[in-house]
Protein backbone atom coordinates (compact mmCIF):
# COMPACT_ATOMS: atom_id res chain seq x y z
CA MET A 1 -18.33 -20.11 19.71
CA LEU A 2 -17.04 -20.36 16.12
CA LYS A 3 -20.60 -20.38 14.81
CA THR A 4 -21.34 -17.17 16.74
CA PHE A 5 -18.23 -15.56 15.27
CA PHE A 6 -19.35 -16.38 11.71
CA ILE A 7 -22.89 -15.12 12.36
CA VAL A 8 -21.61 -11.83 13.82
CA THR A 9 -19.15 -11.44 10.94
CA PHE A 10 -21.91 -12.09 8.40
CA LEU A 11 -24.20 -9.55 10.05
CA LEU A 12 -21.45 -6.94 10.08
CA VAL A 13 -20.73 -7.52 6.40
CA ILE A 14 -24.36 -7.25 5.28
CA SER A 15 -24.96 -4.22 7.49
CA GLN A 16 -22.16 -2.24 5.84
CA PRO A 17 -23.31 0.51 3.50
CA ALA A 18 -22.66 0.00 -0.20
CA ARG A 19 -19.18 1.08 -1.16
CA ALA A 20 -18.56 3.10 -4.25
CA ASP A 21 -15.63 2.76 -6.56
CA ILE A 22 -13.49 5.86 -6.93
CA THR A 23 -11.99 6.62 -10.33
CA GLY A 24 -9.81 9.50 -11.41
CA LYS A 25 -6.34 10.89 -12.01
CA PRO A 26 -4.31 10.14 -8.90
CA PHE A 27 -2.06 12.51 -7.02
CA ILE A 28 0.76 10.46 -5.48
CA VAL A 29 1.19 11.28 -1.78
CA ASP A 30 3.81 8.61 -1.04
CA GLY A 31 4.65 5.01 -1.88
CA ASP A 32 1.37 3.62 -0.52
CA THR A 33 -1.01 6.59 -0.56
CA ILE A 34 -2.75 8.39 -3.40
CA ALA A 35 -5.44 11.04 -3.59
CA ILE A 36 -8.25 11.16 -6.12
CA ALA A 37 -10.44 14.28 -6.17
CA GLY A 38 -9.14 15.22 -2.73
CA GLN A 39 -9.91 11.79 -1.18
CA LEU A 40 -6.86 10.23 0.48
CA ILE A 41 -6.62 6.51 -0.31
CA ARG A 42 -4.20 4.10 1.34
CA LEU A 43 -3.28 1.10 -0.83
CA TYR A 44 -4.80 -1.84 0.99
CA GLY A 45 -2.53 -4.50 2.43
CA ILE A 46 0.86 -2.81 2.07
CA ASP A 47 3.13 -0.38 3.87
CA ALA A 48 5.79 1.65 2.06
CA PRO A 49 8.59 3.74 3.54
CA GLU A 50 7.57 7.27 4.51
CA ASN A 51 8.74 10.14 2.30
CA GLU A 52 11.34 11.25 4.86
CA GLN A 53 12.55 7.71 5.57
CA THR A 54 16.03 6.69 4.48
CA CYS A 55 17.49 3.26 3.85
CA GLY A 56 21.08 2.08 3.71
CA THR A 57 23.77 2.79 6.24
CA ALA A 58 24.59 5.95 8.17
CA GLU A 59 27.56 6.40 5.82
CA GLN A 60 25.48 5.86 2.67
CA PRO A 61 21.82 6.69 3.26
CA TRP A 62 19.38 7.14 0.40
CA ARG A 63 15.83 8.49 0.38
CA CYS A 64 14.02 5.20 -0.14
CA GLY A 65 10.68 6.65 0.97
CA GLN A 66 10.84 9.38 -1.63
CA GLU A 67 11.97 6.88 -4.26
CA ALA A 68 9.00 4.60 -3.41
CA GLY A 69 6.65 7.49 -4.16
CA PHE A 70 8.48 8.24 -7.41
CA ALA A 71 8.17 4.57 -8.43
CA LEU A 72 4.41 4.66 -7.89
CA ALA A 73 4.09 7.94 -9.79
CA TYR A 74 6.09 6.54 -12.70
CA PHE A 75 3.95 3.39 -12.74
CA VAL A 76 0.62 5.20 -13.00
CA THR A 77 2.03 8.01 -15.24
CA SER A 78 -0.92 9.11 -17.35
CA ASN A 79 -3.38 6.38 -16.27
CA TRP A 80 -6.62 6.95 -14.51
CA VAL A 81 -6.93 4.78 -11.43
CA THR A 82 -9.96 2.94 -10.10
CA CYS A 83 -10.07 2.04 -6.40
CA ILE A 84 -12.40 -0.39 -4.66
CA GLU A 85 -12.87 0.39 -0.98
CA ARG A 86 -11.83 -2.38 1.43
CA GLY A 87 -12.24 -0.50 4.71
CA ARG A 88 -10.44 2.12 6.73
CA ALA A 89 -6.79 2.30 7.73
CA PRO A 90 -6.07 2.60 11.47
CA ASP A 91 -5.77 6.39 11.10
CA GLY A 92 -9.19 6.61 9.42
CA GLU A 93 -8.00 6.96 5.82
CA LEU A 94 -9.85 5.06 3.15
CA ALA A 95 -8.11 1.75 2.37
CA ALA A 96 -8.67 0.38 -1.12
CA VAL A 97 -7.39 -1.95 -3.80
CA CYS A 98 -6.50 0.29 -6.75
CA PHE A 99 -5.95 -0.54 -10.39
CA ALA A 100 -4.10 1.44 -13.07
CA GLY A 101 -6.31 1.99 -16.08
CA GLY A 102 -9.43 0.67 -14.35
CA ILE A 103 -10.60 -2.61 -12.84
CA GLY A 104 -8.74 -5.48 -14.45
CA GLY A 105 -5.61 -3.35 -14.86
CA PRO A 106 -2.48 -3.79 -12.78
CA ASP A 107 -2.94 -3.68 -9.00
CA LEU A 108 -0.92 -0.73 -7.64
CA ALA A 109 -0.16 -2.41 -4.30
CA ARG A 110 0.99 -5.62 -5.98
CA HIS A 111 3.25 -3.55 -8.25
CA GLN A 112 4.83 -1.71 -5.30
CA VAL A 113 5.53 -4.96 -3.42
CA ALA A 114 6.75 -6.85 -6.51
CA ASN A 115 9.25 -4.09 -7.26
CA GLY A 116 10.48 -3.84 -3.69
CA TRP A 117 8.94 -0.43 -2.85
CA ALA A 118 6.52 -1.66 -0.17
CA LEU A 119 6.07 -4.50 2.27
CA ALA A 120 3.06 -6.81 2.38
CA LEU A 121 1.28 -6.39 5.69
CA PRO A 122 1.32 -9.79 7.40
CA GLY A 123 -2.08 -11.41 7.72
CA VAL A 124 -3.93 -8.66 5.83
CA VAL A 125 -3.87 -9.71 2.19
CA ASP A 126 -3.21 -13.09 0.68
CA GLY A 127 -1.20 -12.91 -2.49
CA TYR A 128 1.41 -10.19 -1.94
CA GLU A 129 3.76 -12.42 0.06
CA ALA A 130 5.02 -14.28 -3.03
CA GLU A 131 5.81 -10.98 -4.76
CA GLN A 132 7.60 -9.77 -1.66
CA GLU A 133 9.78 -12.87 -1.47
CA ALA A 134 10.66 -12.55 -5.16
CA ALA A 135 11.59 -8.86 -4.72
CA ARG A 136 13.68 -9.73 -1.64
CA GLY A 137 15.47 -12.52 -3.51
CA ALA A 138 16.22 -10.22 -6.45
CA GLY A 139 17.36 -7.35 -4.23
CA LEU A 140 14.81 -4.93 -5.71
CA GLY A 141 13.85 -1.54 -4.27
CA ILE A 142 14.39 -1.31 -0.53
CA TRP A 143 15.63 -4.92 -0.48
CA ARG A 144 18.93 -3.75 -2.00
CA ALA A 145 19.87 -2.05 1.28
CA VAL A 146 19.47 -2.15 5.01
CA PHE A 147 16.09 -0.71 6.03
CA THR A 148 13.70 -0.43 8.92
CA PRO A 149 10.15 -1.60 8.20
CA PRO A 150 7.93 1.48 7.81
CA TRP A 151 5.74 0.66 10.84
CA GLU A 152 8.85 0.40 13.04
CA TRP A 153 10.32 3.60 11.57
CA ARG A 154 7.09 5.50 12.38
CA ARG A 155 7.09 4.11 15.93
CA GLN A 156 10.72 5.24 16.37
CA GLN A 157 9.73 8.71 15.13
CA GLY A 158 6.85 8.87 17.63
CA ARG A 159 4.14 8.67 14.98
């Protein structure tokens, strides 16, 4: 059974069309989504609060979703970004690992998680969990307040 799984997985991988890198000046959509030349790109392996999402308490809410987008915009500032396609998000958007200043530059998703502006998606990407734990321990970004994970917030909003 396991051997069949590996054979099917191998055949699926080699049957995939070649994926092109996308490079350009990004437009920041939100804390985990950018657009390059009109192509929406979801940062692979993370989930950031939605633009309308708030964190904190009912008495002291703050627009953590909007701030997550601002943090990403500030990080890439005047850099071009190169993205390597990793697949498609559940809603059909392109999912990619993206680097500021080109391949070899800082990973945008890792930056967002390390600074507390996004959560590592469990079981999707190895490597972001350590950054998430460090951000949580330091109380960075959304970890400085009470928050609902973005996937739960969207479910509560009927999205």
